[in-house]
Amino acid sequence: RDLARLSLQDPMYVSVHEHARHSTPEGLQQSYVVCALEEKLSVLWSFIKMHLKQKILVFMATCKQVKYHYDMFCRLRPGTTLLALYGSLHQLRRMAIYESFCRKSNAVLFATDIAARGLGR
């Protein structure tokens, strides 16, 4: 705000949740865990197994990470639907995966930041 005040004449502030009491929807719970790199997979596995009746969205940095984790967890069969969403998929396929995640009552979606950019309803 200070930079805008110093640099611009009559700046306009735009906020996604300007009039909302909370920036996160009421039914959404955001979590993160700090752990050692070598514990990352087992912590994620434990988290998924403990939340089988919920929707989980796991963001990852690259398409390769999403593909690797998706393939590995599919082989482990956690007991819930697993989906993968990343940028190199065709747009129609990405939309179908996202719609499938929205329709399900419980699922895990491994995704790059593509899921954070314009896929929401």
PDB file of N, CA and C in Angstrom:
ATOM      1  N   ARG A   1       0.826  -1.198   0.000  1.00  0.00           N
ATOM      2  CA  ARG A   1       0.000   0.000   0.000  1.00  0.00           C
ATOM      3  C   ARG A   1       0.867   1.258   0.000  1.00  0.00           C
ATOM      4  N   ASP A   2       1.952   1.210   0.771  1.00  0.00           N
ATOM      5  CA  ASP A   2       2.850   2.367   0.827  1.00  0.00           C
ATOM      6  C   ASP A   2       3.491   2.640  -0.530  1.00  0.00           C
ATOM      7  N   LEU A   3       3.920   1.577  -1.212  1.00  0.00           N
ATOM      8  CA  LEU A   3       4.523   1.736  -2.528  1.00  0.00           C
ATOM      9  C   LEU A   3       3.507   2.304  -3.520  1.00  0.00           C
ATOM     10  N   ALA A   4       2.275   1.809  -3.469  1.00  0.00           N
ATOM     11  CA  ALA A   4       1.232   2.316  -4.360  1.00  0.00           C
ATOM     12  C   ALA A   4       0.951   3.779  -4.072  1.00  0.00           C
ATOM     13  N   ARG A   5       0.898   4.140  -2.797  1.00  0.00           N
ATOM     14  CA  ARG A   5       0.626   5.519  -2.407  1.00  0.00           C
ATOM     15  C   ARG A   5       1.721   6.454  -2.915  1.00  0.00           C
ATOM     16  N   LEU A   6       2.976   6.005  -2.845  1.00  0.00           N
ATOM     17  CA  LEU A   6       4.098   6.833  -3.292  1.00  0.00           C
ATOM     18  C   LEU A   6       4.244   6.871  -4.807  1.00  0.00           C
ATOM     19  N   SER A   7       3.868   5.790  -5.479  1.00  0.00           N
ATOM     20  CA  SER A   7       4.136   5.655  -6.909  1.00  0.00           C
ATOM     21  C   SER A   7       2.980   6.030  -7.820  1.00  0.00           C
ATOM     22  N   LEU A   8       1.752   5.928  -7.344  1.00  0.00           N
ATOM     23  CA  LEU A   8       0.587   6.073  -8.211  1.00  0.00           C
ATOM     24  C   LEU A   8      -0.306   7.216  -7.764  1.00  0.00           C
ATOM     25  N   GLN A   9      -1.030   7.773  -8.738  1.00  0.00           N
ATOM     26  CA  GLN A   9      -2.042   8.763  -8.411  1.00  0.00           C
ATOM     27  C   GLN A   9      -3.382   8.053  -8.311  1.00  0.00           C
ATOM     28  N   ASP A  10      -4.100   8.260  -7.242  1.00  0.00           N
ATOM     29  CA  ASP A  10      -5.400   7.640  -7.011  1.00  0.00           C
ATOM     30  C   ASP A  10      -5.394   6.128  -7.286  1.00  0.00           C
ATOM     31  N   PRO A  11      -4.574   5.357  -6.583  1.00  0.00           N
ATOM     32  CA  PRO A  11      -4.544   3.908  -6.834  1.00  0.00           C
ATOM     33  C   PRO A  11      -5.866   3.250  -6.438  1.00  0.00           C
ATOM     34  N   MET A  12      -6.213   2.192  -7.145  1.00  0.00           N
ATOM     35  CA  MET A  12      -7.418   1.424  -6.831  1.00  0.00           C
ATOM     36  C   MET A  12      -6.964   0.080  -6.278  1.00  0.00           C
ATOM     37  N   TYR A  13      -7.480  -0.297  -5.125  1.00  0.00           N
ATOM     38  CA  TYR A  13      -7.137  -1.564  -4.503  1.00  0.00           C
ATOM     39  C   TYR A  13      -8.163  -2.609  -4.893  1.00  0.00           C
ATOM     40  N   VAL A  14      -7.679  -3.747  -5.349  1.00  0.00           N
ATOM     41  CA  VAL A  14      -8.536  -4.837  -5.757  1.00  0.00           C
ATOM     42  C   VAL A  14      -8.197  -6.036  -4.881  1.00  0.00           C
ATOM     43  N   SER A  15      -9.232  -6.640  -4.316  1.00  0.00           N
ATOM     44  CA  SER A  15      -9.028  -7.786  -3.445  1.00  0.00           C
ATOM     45  C   SER A  15     -10.060  -8.852  -3.764  1.00  0.00           C
ATOM     46  N   VAL A  16      -9.626 -10.095  -3.776  1.00  0.00           N
ATOM     47  CA  VAL A  16     -10.528 -11.197  -4.084  1.00  0.00           C
ATOM     48  C   VAL A  16     -11.607 -11.319  -3.015  1.00  0.00           C
ATOM     49  N   HIS A  17     -11.225 -11.146  -1.773  1.00  0.00           N
ATOM     50  CA  HIS A  17     -12.142 -11.331  -0.650  1.00  0.00           C
ATOM     51  C   HIS A  17     -12.306 -10.015   0.121  1.00  0.00           C
ATOM     52  N   GLU A  18     -12.454  -8.932  -0.585  1.00  0.00           N
ATOM     53  CA  GLU A  18     -12.462  -7.605   0.023  1.00  0.00           C
ATOM     54  C   GLU A  18     -13.526  -7.452   1.112  1.00  0.00           C
ATOM     55  N   HIS A  19     -14.723  -7.971   0.883  1.00  0.00           N
ATOM     56  CA  HIS A  19     -15.812  -7.786   1.837  1.00  0.00           C
ATOM     57  C   HIS A  19     -16.121  -9.054   2.641  1.00  0.00           C
ATOM     58  N   ALA A  20     -15.352 -10.091   2.436  1.00  0.00           N
ATOM     59  CA  ALA A  20     -15.587 -11.353   3.149  1.00  0.00           C
ATOM     60  C   ALA A  20     -14.987 -11.292   4.544  1.00  0.00           C
ATOM     61  N   ARG A  21     -15.624 -12.003   5.475  1.00  0.00           N
ATOM     62  CA  ARG A  21     -15.081 -12.074   6.829  1.00  0.00           C
ATOM     63  C   ARG A  21     -13.830 -12.937   6.869  1.00  0.00           C
ATOM     64  N   HIS A  22     -13.767 -13.957   5.999  1.00  0.00           N
ATOM     65  CA  HIS A  22     -12.639 -14.871   5.957  1.00  0.00           C
ATOM     66  C   HIS A  22     -12.158 -15.009   4.517  1.00  0.00           C
ATOM     67  N   SER A  23     -10.844 -15.155   4.324  1.00  0.00           N
ATOM     68  CA  SER A  23     -10.321 -15.314   2.965  1.00  0.00           C
ATOM     69  C   SER A  23     -10.450 -16.751   2.473  1.00  0.00           C
ATOM     70  N   THR A  24     -10.634 -17.697   3.390  1.00  0.00           N
ATOM     71  CA  THR A  24     -10.810 -19.098   3.040  1.00  0.00           C
ATOM     72  C   THR A  24     -12.279 -19.467   3.218  1.00  0.00           C
ATOM     73  N   PRO A  25     -12.877 -20.155   2.252  1.00  0.00           N
ATOM     74  CA  PRO A  25     -14.270 -20.587   2.428  1.00  0.00           C
ATOM     75  C   PRO A  25     -14.444 -21.366   3.727  1.00  0.00           C
ATOM     76  N   GLU A  26     -15.615 -21.235   4.324  1.00  0.00           N
ATOM     77  CA  GLU A  26     -15.846 -21.806   5.642  1.00  0.00           C
ATOM     78  C   GLU A  26     -15.628 -23.317   5.706  1.00  0.00           C
ATOM     79  N   GLY A  27     -15.985 -24.043   4.664  1.00  0.00           N
ATOM     80  CA  GLY A  27     -15.858 -25.494   4.688  1.00  0.00           C
ATOM     81  C   GLY A  27     -14.487 -26.017   4.300  1.00  0.00           C
ATOM     82  N   LEU A  28     -13.548 -25.130   3.996  1.00  0.00           N
ATOM     83  CA  LEU A  28     -12.223 -25.532   3.539  1.00  0.00           C
ATOM     84  C   LEU A  28     -11.222 -25.433   4.677  1.00  0.00           C
ATOM     85  N   GLN A  29     -10.457 -26.481   4.855  1.00  0.00           N
ATOM     86  CA  GLN A  29      -9.408 -26.484   5.861  1.00  0.00           C
ATOM     87  C   GLN A  29      -8.077 -26.595   5.142  1.00  0.00           C
ATOM     88  N   GLN A  30      -7.168 -25.645   5.390  1.00  0.00           N
ATOM     89  CA  GLN A  30      -5.854 -25.676   4.781  1.00  0.00           C
ATOM     90  C   GLN A  30      -4.845 -26.121   5.836  1.00  0.00           C
ATOM     91  N   SER A  31      -3.958 -27.015   5.430  1.00  0.00           N
ATOM     92  CA  SER A  31      -2.969 -27.546   6.357  1.00  0.00           C
ATOM     93  C   SER A  31      -1.629 -27.677   5.669  1.00  0.00           C
ATOM     94  N   TYR A  32      -0.583 -27.702   6.471  1.00  0.00           N
ATOM     95  CA  TYR A  32       0.728 -28.048   5.966  1.00  0.00           C
ATOM     96  C   TYR A  32       1.505 -28.699   7.090  1.00  0.00           C
ATOM     97  N   VAL A  33       2.479 -29.485   6.714  1.00  0.00           N
ATOM     98  CA  VAL A  33       3.306 -30.186   7.682  1.00  0.00           C
ATOM     99  C   VAL A  33       4.761 -29.924   7.313  1.00  0.00           C
ATOM    100  N   VAL A  34       5.554 -29.557   8.286  1.00  0.00           N
ATOM    101  CA  VAL A  34       6.984 -29.407   8.080  1.00  0.00           C
ATOM    102  C   VAL A  34       7.630 -30.717   8.509  1.00  0.00           C
ATOM    103  N   CYS A  35       8.341 -31.343   7.584  1.00  0.00           N
ATOM    104  CA  CYS A  35       8.990 -32.613   7.905  1.00  0.00           C
ATOM    105  C   CYS A  35      10.287 -32.723   7.102  1.00  0.00           C
ATOM    106  N   ALA A  36      11.124 -33.640   7.522  1.00  0.00           N
ATOM    107  CA  ALA A  36      12.364 -33.903   6.802  1.00  0.00           C
ATOM    108  C   ALA A  36      12.041 -34.495   5.432  1.00  0.00           C
ATOM    109  N   LEU A  37      12.874 -34.231   4.465  1.00  0.00           N
ATOM    110  CA  LEU A  37      12.654 -34.698   3.102  1.00  0.00           C
ATOM    111  C   LEU A  37      12.439 -36.209   3.046  1.00  0.00           C
ATOM    112  N   GLU A  38      13.226 -36.958   3.815  1.00  0.00           N
ATOM    113  CA  GLU A  38      13.107 -38.413   3.769  1.00  0.00           C
ATOM    114  C   GLU A  38      11.805 -38.923   4.397  1.00  0.00           C
ATOM    115  N   GLU A  39      11.090 -38.078   5.122  1.00  0.00           N
ATOM    116  CA  GLU A  39       9.815 -38.464   5.730  1.00  0.00           C
ATOM    117  C   GLU A  39       8.600 -38.018   4.915  1.00  0.00           C
ATOM    118  N   LYS A  40       8.839 -37.276   3.867  1.00  0.00           N
ATOM    119  CA  LYS A  40       7.762 -36.644   3.103  1.00  0.00           C
ATOM    120  C   LYS A  40       6.719 -37.635   2.591  1.00  0.00           C
ATOM    121  N   LEU A  41       7.159 -38.710   1.964  1.00  0.00           N
ATOM    122  CA  LEU A  41       6.218 -39.675   1.401  1.00  0.00           C
ATOM    123  C   LEU A  41       5.412 -40.388   2.474  1.00  0.00           C
ATOM    124  N   SER A  42       6.063 -40.783   3.545  1.00  0.00           N
ATOM    125  CA  SER A  42       5.330 -41.497   4.592  1.00  0.00           C
ATOM    126  C   SER A  42       4.356 -40.576   5.311  1.00  0.00           C
ATOM    127  N   VAL A  43       4.702 -39.318   5.475  1.00  0.00           N
ATOM    128  CA  VAL A  43       3.778 -38.360   6.089  1.00  0.00           C
ATOM    129  C   VAL A  43       2.566 -38.140   5.182  1.00  0.00           C
ATOM    130  N   LEU A  44       2.802 -37.996   3.889  1.00  0.00           N
ATOM    131  CA  LEU A  44       1.696 -37.818   2.942  1.00  0.00           C
ATOM    132  C   LEU A  44       0.812 -39.065   2.919  1.00  0.00           C
ATOM    133  N   TRP A  45       1.419 -40.236   2.882  1.00  0.00           N
ATOM    134  CA  TRP A  45       0.654 -41.486   2.910  1.00  0.00           C
ATOM    135  C   TRP A  45      -0.215 -41.551   4.165  1.00  0.00           C
ATOM    136  N   SER A  46       0.373 -41.250   5.314  1.00  0.00           N
ATOM    137  CA  SER A  46      -0.371 -41.278   6.582  1.00  0.00           C
ATOM    138  C   SER A  46      -1.522 -40.286   6.563  1.00  0.00           C
ATOM    139  N   PHE A  47      -1.273 -39.101   6.033  1.00  0.00           N
ATOM    140  CA  PHE A  47      -2.319 -38.078   5.970  1.00  0.00           C
ATOM    141  C   PHE A  47      -3.488 -38.558   5.106  1.00  0.00           C
ATOM    142  N   ILE A  48      -3.166 -39.106   3.956  1.00  0.00           N
ATOM    143  CA  ILE A  48      -4.222 -39.596   3.056  1.00  0.00           C
ATOM    144  C   ILE A  48      -5.005 -40.721   3.717  1.00  0.00           C
ATOM    145  N   LYS A  49      -4.306 -41.672   4.325  1.00  0.00           N
ATOM    146  CA  LYS A  49      -4.981 -42.801   4.972  1.00  0.00           C
ATOM    147  C   LYS A  49      -5.865 -42.349   6.138  1.00  0.00           C
ATOM    148  N   MET A  50      -5.490 -41.267   6.803  1.00  0.00           N
ATOM    149  CA  MET A  50      -6.280 -40.766   7.934  1.00  0.00           C
ATOM    150  C   MET A  50      -7.469 -39.918   7.485  1.00  0.00           C
ATOM    151  N   HIS A  51      -7.522 -39.546   6.212  1.00  0.00           N
ATOM    152  CA  HIS A  51      -8.573 -38.664   5.705  1.00  0.00           C
ATOM    153  C   HIS A  51      -9.248 -39.260   4.465  1.00  0.00           C
ATOM    154  N   LEU A  52      -9.517 -40.549   4.484  1.00  0.00           N
ATOM    155  CA  LEU A  52     -10.087 -41.230   3.325  1.00  0.00           C
ATOM    156  C   LEU A  52     -11.475 -40.743   2.951  1.00  0.00           C
ATOM    157  N   LYS A  53     -12.204 -40.183   3.869  1.00  0.00           N
ATOM    158  CA  LYS A  53     -13.579 -39.736   3.604  1.00  0.00           C
ATOM    159  C   LYS A  53     -13.649 -38.238   3.296  1.00  0.00           C
ATOM    160  N   GLN A  54     -12.533 -37.651   2.915  1.00  0.00           N
ATOM    161  CA  GLN A  54     -12.493 -36.224   2.609  1.00  0.00           C
ATOM    162  C   GLN A  54     -11.849 -35.996   1.251  1.00  0.00           C
ATOM    163  N   LYS A  55     -11.998 -34.775   0.765  1.00  0.00           N
ATOM    164  CA  LYS A  55     -11.289 -34.370  -0.449  1.00  0.00           C
ATOM    165  C   LYS A  55      -9.964 -33.758  -0.023  1.00  0.00           C
ATOM    166  N   ILE A  56      -8.914 -34.140  -0.738  1.00  0.00           N
ATOM    167  CA  ILE A  56      -7.576 -33.642  -0.445  1.00  0.00           C
ATOM    168  C   ILE A  56      -6.975 -33.126  -1.740  1.00  0.00           C
ATOM    169  N   LEU A  57      -6.410 -31.942  -1.687  1.00  0.00           N
ATOM    170  CA  LEU A  57      -5.714 -31.359  -2.834  1.00  0.00           C
ATOM    171  C   LEU A  57      -4.259 -31.153  -2.429  1.00  0.00           C
ATOM    172  N   VAL A  58      -3.354 -31.859  -3.115  1.00  0.00           N
ATOM    173  CA  VAL A  58      -1.926 -31.803  -2.815  1.00  0.00           C
ATOM    174  C   VAL A  58      -1.230 -31.071  -3.950  1.00  0.00           C
ATOM    175  N   PHE A  59      -0.681 -29.898  -3.643  1.00  0.00           N
ATOM    176  CA  PHE A  59       0.046 -29.131  -4.660  1.00  0.00           C
ATOM    177  C   PHE A  59       1.499 -29.570  -4.686  1.00  0.00           C
ATOM    178  N   MET A  60       2.044 -29.689  -5.901  1.00  0.00           N
ATOM    179  CA  MET A  60       3.444 -30.049  -6.091  1.00  0.00           C
ATOM    180  C   MET A  60       4.064 -29.088  -7.086  1.00  0.00           C
ATOM    181  N   ALA A  61       5.387 -29.017  -7.071  1.00  0.00           N
ATOM    182  CA  ALA A  61       6.092 -28.005  -7.848  1.00  0.00           C
ATOM    183  C   ALA A  61       6.148 -28.303  -9.349  1.00  0.00           C
ATOM    184  N   THR A  62       6.231 -29.570  -9.733  1.00  0.00           N
ATOM    185  CA  THR A  62       6.426 -29.882 -11.150  1.00  0.00           C
ATOM    186  C   THR A  62       5.475 -30.980 -11.632  1.00  0.00           C
ATOM    187  N   CYS A  63       5.328 -31.068 -12.951  1.00  0.00           N
ATOM    188  CA  CYS A  63       4.528 -32.135 -13.560  1.00  0.00           C
ATOM    189  C   CYS A  63       5.116 -33.496 -13.242  1.00  0.00           C
ATOM    190  N   LYS A  64       6.445 -33.600 -13.262  1.00  0.00           N
ATOM    191  CA  LYS A  64       7.095 -34.880 -12.972  1.00  0.00           C
ATOM    192  C   LYS A  64       6.797 -35.342 -11.548  1.00  0.00           C
ATOM    193  N   GLN A  65       6.782 -34.426 -10.602  1.00  0.00           N
ATOM    194  CA  GLN A  65       6.460 -34.795  -9.223  1.00  0.00           C
ATOM    195  C   GLN A  65       5.028 -35.304  -9.121  1.00  0.00           C
ATOM    196  N   VAL A  66       4.103 -34.611  -9.784  1.00  0.00           N
ATOM    197  CA  VAL A  66       2.697 -35.033  -9.764  1.00  0.00           C
ATOM    198  C   VAL A  66       2.563 -36.424 -10.358  1.00  0.00           C
ATOM    199  N   LYS A  67       3.161 -36.654 -11.528  1.00  0.00           N
ATOM    200  CA  LYS A  67       3.070 -37.957 -12.190  1.00  0.00           C
ATOM    201  C   LYS A  67       3.670 -39.054 -11.309  1.00  0.00           C
ATOM    202  N   TYR A  68       4.834 -38.799 -10.727  1.00  0.00           N
ATOM    203  CA  TYR A  68       5.512 -39.791  -9.891  1.00  0.00           C
ATOM    204  C   TYR A  68       4.664 -40.159  -8.674  1.00  0.00           C
ATOM    205  N   HIS A  69       4.208 -39.158  -7.947  1.00  0.00           N
ATOM    206  CA  HIS A  69       3.421 -39.422  -6.740  1.00  0.00           C
ATOM    207  C   HIS A  69       2.081 -40.097  -7.083  1.00  0.00           C
ATOM    208  N   TYR A  70       1.454 -39.641  -8.139  1.00  0.00           N
ATOM    209  CA  TYR A  70       0.192 -40.250  -8.566  1.00  0.00           C
ATOM    210  C   TYR A  70       0.404 -41.732  -8.888  1.00  0.00           C
ATOM    211  N   ASP A  71       1.406 -42.043  -9.709  1.00  0.00           N
ATOM    212  CA  ASP A  71       1.679 -43.435 -10.076  1.00  0.00           C
ATOM    213  C   ASP A  71       2.020 -44.280  -8.853  1.00  0.00           C
ATOM    214  N   MET A  72       2.851 -43.753  -7.979  1.00  0.00           N
ATOM    215  CA  MET A  72       3.267 -44.500  -6.805  1.00  0.00           C
ATOM    216  C   MET A  72       2.077 -44.775  -5.870  1.00  0.00           C
ATOM    217  N   PHE A  73       1.269 -43.742  -5.602  1.00  0.00           N
ATOM    218  CA  PHE A  73       0.138 -43.926  -4.701  1.00  0.00           C
ATOM    219  C   PHE A  73      -0.934 -44.814  -5.330  1.00  0.00           C
ATOM    220  N   CYS A  74      -1.079 -44.788  -6.655  1.00  0.00           N
ATOM    221  CA  CYS A  74      -2.015 -45.711  -7.318  1.00  0.00           C
ATOM    222  C   CYS A  74      -1.599 -47.154  -7.065  1.00  0.00           C
ATOM    223  N   ARG A  75      -0.298 -47.424  -7.109  1.00  0.00           N
ATOM    224  CA  ARG A  75       0.207 -48.783  -6.854  1.00  0.00           C
ATOM    225  C   ARG A  75      -0.005 -49.188  -5.392  1.00  0.00           C
ATOM    226  N   LEU A  76       0.045 -48.218  -4.483  1.00  0.00           N
ATOM    227  CA  LEU A  76      -0.125 -48.504  -3.056  1.00  0.00           C
ATOM    228  C   LEU A  76      -1.591 -48.679  -2.661  1.00  0.00           C
ATOM    229  N   ARG A  77      -2.502 -48.179  -3.494  1.00  0.00           N
ATOM    230  CA  ARG A  77      -3.951 -48.309  -3.267  1.00  0.00           C
ATOM    231  C   ARG A  77      -4.392 -47.836  -1.878  1.00  0.00           C
ATOM    232  N   PRO A  78      -4.505 -46.544  -1.694  1.00  0.00           N
ATOM    233  CA  PRO A  78      -4.862 -46.030  -0.372  1.00  0.00           C
ATOM    234  C   PRO A  78      -6.323 -46.237   0.029  1.00  0.00           C
ATOM    235  N   GLY A  79      -7.197 -46.578  -0.901  1.00  0.00           N
ATOM    236  CA  GLY A  79      -8.599 -46.785  -0.555  1.00  0.00           C
ATOM    237  C   GLY A  79      -9.486 -45.599  -0.882  1.00  0.00           C
ATOM    238  N   THR A  80      -9.016 -44.700  -1.713  1.00  0.00           N
ATOM    239  CA  THR A  80      -9.795 -43.562  -2.177  1.00  0.00           C
ATOM    240  C   THR A  80      -9.413 -43.274  -3.628  1.00  0.00           C
ATOM    241  N   THR A  81     -10.209 -42.484  -4.301  1.00  0.00           N
ATOM    242  CA  THR A  81      -9.918 -42.117  -5.690  1.00  0.00           C
ATOM    243  C   THR A  81      -8.711 -41.193  -5.743  1.00  0.00           C
ATOM    244  N   LEU A  82      -7.794 -41.466  -6.666  1.00  0.00           N
ATOM    245  CA  LEU A  82      -6.624 -40.634  -6.887  1.00  0.00           C
ATOM    246  C   LEU A  82      -6.718 -40.022  -8.277  1.00  0.00           C
ATOM    247  N   LEU A  83      -6.409 -38.732  -8.363  1.00  0.00           N
ATOM    248  CA  LEU A  83      -6.427 -38.018  -9.636  1.00  0.00           C
ATOM    249  C   LEU A  83      -5.153 -37.186  -9.751  1.00  0.00           C
ATOM    250  N   ALA A  84      -4.740 -36.904 -10.971  1.00  0.00           N
ATOM    251  CA  ALA A  84      -3.549 -36.083 -11.211  1.00  0.00           C
ATOM    252  C   ALA A  84      -3.877 -35.001 -12.223  1.00  0.00           C
ATOM    253  N   LEU A  85      -3.459 -33.787 -11.915  1.00  0.00           N
ATOM    254  CA  LEU A  85      -3.759 -32.636 -12.773  1.00  0.00           C
ATOM    255  C   LEU A  85      -2.486 -31.812 -12.949  1.00  0.00           C
ATOM    256  N   TYR A  86      -2.065 -31.650 -14.203  1.00  0.00           N
ATOM    257  CA  TYR A  86      -0.838 -30.901 -14.472  1.00  0.00           C
ATOM    258  C   TYR A  86      -0.914 -30.288 -15.858  1.00  0.00           C
ATOM    259  N   GLY A  87      -0.019 -29.361 -16.121  1.00  0.00           N
ATOM    260  CA  GLY A  87      -0.101 -28.518 -17.301  1.00  0.00           C
ATOM    261  C   GLY A  87       0.072 -29.190 -18.641  1.00  0.00           C
ATOM    262  N   SER A  88       0.806 -30.288 -18.716  1.00  0.00           N
ATOM    263  CA  SER A  88       1.043 -30.891 -20.033  1.00  0.00           C
ATOM    264  C   SER A  88      -0.130 -31.748 -20.524  1.00  0.00           C
ATOM    265  N   LEU A  89      -1.161 -31.898 -19.710  1.00  0.00           N
ATOM    266  CA  LEU A  89      -2.373 -32.586 -20.158  1.00  0.00           C
ATOM    267  C   LEU A  89      -3.148 -31.682 -21.108  1.00  0.00           C
ATOM    268  N   HIS A  90      -3.889 -32.282 -22.025  1.00  0.00           N
ATOM    269  CA  HIS A  90      -4.747 -31.512 -22.918  1.00  0.00           C
ATOM    270  C   HIS A  90      -5.811 -30.798 -22.085  1.00  0.00           C
ATOM    271  N   GLN A  91      -6.207 -29.623 -22.494  1.00  0.00           N
ATOM    272  CA  GLN A  91      -7.163 -28.807 -21.740  1.00  0.00           C
ATOM    273  C   GLN A  91      -8.458 -29.553 -21.426  1.00  0.00           C
ATOM    274  N   LEU A  92      -9.000 -30.266 -22.381  1.00  0.00           N
ATOM    275  CA  LEU A  92     -10.239 -31.008 -22.148  1.00  0.00           C
ATOM    276  C   LEU A  92     -10.043 -32.097 -21.099  1.00  0.00           C
ATOM    277  N   ARG A  93      -8.886 -32.738 -21.110  1.00  0.00           N
ATOM    278  CA  ARG A  93      -8.579 -33.772 -20.112  1.00  0.00           C
ATOM    279  C   ARG A  93      -8.450 -33.137 -18.724  1.00  0.00           C
ATOM    280  N   ARG A  94      -7.788 -31.975 -18.653  1.00  0.00           N
ATOM    281  CA  ARG A  94      -7.668 -31.272 -17.368  1.00  0.00           C
ATOM    282  C   ARG A  94      -9.039 -30.925 -16.812  1.00  0.00           C
ATOM    283  N   MET A  95      -9.922 -30.435 -17.666  1.00  0.00           N
ATOM    284  CA  MET A  95     -11.262 -30.063 -17.219  1.00  0.00           C
ATOM    285  C   MET A  95     -12.044 -31.292 -16.753  1.00  0.00           C
ATOM    286  N   ALA A  96     -11.888 -32.403 -17.450  1.00  0.00           N
ATOM    287  CA  ALA A  96     -12.587 -33.634 -17.062  1.00  0.00           C
ATOM    288  C   ALA A  96     -12.096 -34.133 -15.706  1.00  0.00           C
ATOM    289  N   ILE A  97     -10.806 -34.072 -15.473  1.00  0.00           N
ATOM    290  CA  ILE A  97     -10.245 -34.493 -14.184  1.00  0.00           C
ATOM    291  C   ILE A  97     -10.746 -33.588 -13.074  1.00  0.00           C
ATOM    292  N   TYR A  98     -10.739 -32.301 -13.317  1.00  0.00           N
ATOM    293  CA  TYR A  98     -11.219 -31.351 -12.311  1.00  0.00           C
ATOM    294  C   TYR A  98     -12.702 -31.576 -12.001  1.00  0.00           C
ATOM    295  N   GLU A  99     -13.502 -31.763 -13.035  1.00  0.00           N
ATOM    296  CA  GLU A  99     -14.936 -32.021 -12.841  1.00  0.00           C
ATOM    297  C   GLU A  99     -15.149 -33.311 -12.051  1.00  0.00           C
ATOM    298  N   SER A 100     -14.359 -34.315 -12.343  1.00  0.00           N
ATOM    299  CA  SER A 100     -14.451 -35.573 -11.615  1.00  0.00           C
ATOM    300  C   SER A 100     -14.141 -35.359 -10.134  1.00  0.00           C
ATOM    301  N   PHE A 101     -13.117 -34.580  -9.846  1.00  0.00           N
ATOM    302  CA  PHE A 101     -12.768 -34.270  -8.456  1.00  0.00           C
ATOM    303  C   PHE A 101     -13.904 -33.528  -7.764  1.00  0.00           C
ATOM    304  N   CYS A 102     -14.528 -32.594  -8.460  1.00  0.00           N
ATOM    305  CA  CYS A 102     -15.637 -31.820  -7.884  1.00  0.00           C
ATOM    306  C   CYS A 102     -16.844 -32.706  -7.584  1.00  0.00           C
ATOM    307  N   ARG A 103     -17.130 -33.662  -8.446  1.00  0.00           N
ATOM    308  CA  ARG A 103     -18.297 -34.530  -8.271  1.00  0.00           C
ATOM    309  C   ARG A 103     -18.135 -35.534  -7.139  1.00  0.00           C
ATOM    310  N   LYS A 104     -16.925 -35.947  -6.858  1.00  0.00           N
ATOM    311  CA  LYS A 104     -16.698 -36.982  -5.853  1.00  0.00           C
ATOM    312  C   LYS A 104     -16.811 -36.422  -4.441  1.00  0.00           C
ATOM    313  N   SER A 105     -17.268 -37.267  -3.533  1.00  0.00           N
ATOM    314  CA  SER A 105     -17.364 -36.835  -2.130  1.00  0.00           C
ATOM    315  C   SER A 105     -16.036 -37.004  -1.409  1.00  0.00           C
ATOM    316  N   ASN A 106     -15.188 -37.892  -1.902  1.00  0.00           N
ATOM    317  CA  ASN A 106     -13.856 -38.044  -1.338  1.00  0.00           C
ATOM    318  C   ASN A 106     -12.896 -38.446  -2.450  1.00  0.00           C
ATOM    319  N   ALA A 107     -11.744 -37.804  -2.489  1.00  0.00           N
ATOM    320  CA  ALA A 107     -10.729 -38.064  -3.511  1.00  0.00           C
ATOM    321  C   ALA A 107      -9.468 -37.295  -3.150  1.00  0.00           C
ATOM    322  N   VAL A 108      -8.368 -37.716  -3.760  1.00  0.00           N
ATOM    323  CA  VAL A 108      -7.101 -37.003  -3.620  1.00  0.00           C
ATOM    324  C   VAL A 108      -6.711 -36.504  -5.002  1.00  0.00           C
ATOM    325  N   LEU A 109      -6.440 -35.218  -5.114  1.00  0.00           N
ATOM    326  CA  LEU A 109      -6.005 -34.623  -6.374  1.00  0.00           C
ATOM    327  C   LEU A 109      -4.577 -34.132  -6.199  1.00  0.00           C
ATOM    328  N   PHE A 110      -3.642 -34.765  -6.912  1.00  0.00           N
ATOM    329  CA  PHE A 110      -2.264 -34.294  -6.960  1.00  0.00           C
ATOM    330  C   PHE A 110      -2.204 -33.289  -8.105  1.00  0.00           C
ATOM    331  N   ALA A 111      -1.690 -32.095  -7.844  1.00  0.00           N
ATOM    332  CA  ALA A 111      -1.741 -31.061  -8.880  1.00  0.00           C
ATOM    333  C   ALA A 111      -0.554 -30.117  -8.809  1.00  0.00           C
ATOM    334  N   THR A 112      -0.203 -29.592  -9.972  1.00  0.00           N
ATOM    335  CA  THR A 112       0.730 -28.474 -10.007  1.00  0.00           C
ATOM    336  C   THR A 112      -0.108 -27.221  -9.761  1.00  0.00           C
ATOM    337  N   ASP A 113       0.504 -26.067  -9.841  1.00  0.00           N
ATOM    338  CA  ASP A 113      -0.244 -24.834  -9.594  1.00  0.00           C
ATOM    339  C   ASP A 113      -1.279 -24.545 -10.676  1.00  0.00           C
ATOM    340  N   ILE A 114      -1.355 -25.391 -11.714  1.00  0.00           N
ATOM    341  CA  ILE A 114      -2.397 -25.212 -12.736  1.00  0.00           C
ATOM    342  C   ILE A 114      -3.781 -25.235 -12.088  1.00  0.00           C
ATOM    343  N   ALA A 115      -3.929 -26.001 -11.023  1.00  0.00           N
ATOM    344  CA  ALA A 115      -5.230 -26.097 -10.341  1.00  0.00           C
ATOM    345  C   ALA A 115      -5.560 -24.814  -9.578  1.00  0.00           C
ATOM    346  N   ALA A 116      -4.555 -24.022  -9.311  1.00  0.00           N
ATOM    347  CA  ALA A 116      -4.790 -22.770  -8.593  1.00  0.00           C
ATOM    348  C   ALA A 116      -5.105 -21.616  -9.540  1.00  0.00           C
ATOM    349  N   ARG A 117      -4.956 -21.857 -10.851  1.00  0.00           N
ATOM    350  CA  ARG A 117      -5.121 -20.772 -11.819  1.00  0.00           C
ATOM    351  C   ARG A 117      -6.362 -20.968 -12.685  1.00  0.00           C
ATOM    352  N   GLY A 118      -7.481 -20.490 -12.221  1.00  0.00           N
ATOM    353  CA  GLY A 118      -8.650 -20.402 -13.076  1.00  0.00           C
ATOM    354  C   GLY A 118      -9.478 -21.652 -13.242  1.00  0.00           C
ATOM    355  N   LEU A 119      -9.272 -22.687 -12.448  1.00  0.00           N
ATOM    356  CA  LEU A 119     -10.087 -23.873 -12.577  1.00  0.00           C
ATOM    357  C   LEU A 119     -11.290 -23.841 -11.648  1.00  0.00           C
ATOM    358  N   GLY A 120     -11.264 -22.992 -10.640  1.00  0.00           N
ATOM    359  CA  GLY A 120     -12.323 -22.965  -9.631  1.00  0.00           C
ATOM    360  C   GLY A 120     -13.660 -22.541 -10.185  1.00  0.00           C
ATOM    361  N   ARG A 121     -14.690 -22.918  -9.434  1.00  0.00           N
ATOM    362  CA  ARG A 121     -16.047 -22.544  -9.822  1.00  0.00           C
ATOM    363  C   ARG A 121     -16.433 -21.266  -9.150  1.00  0.00           C
TER     364      ARG A 121
END
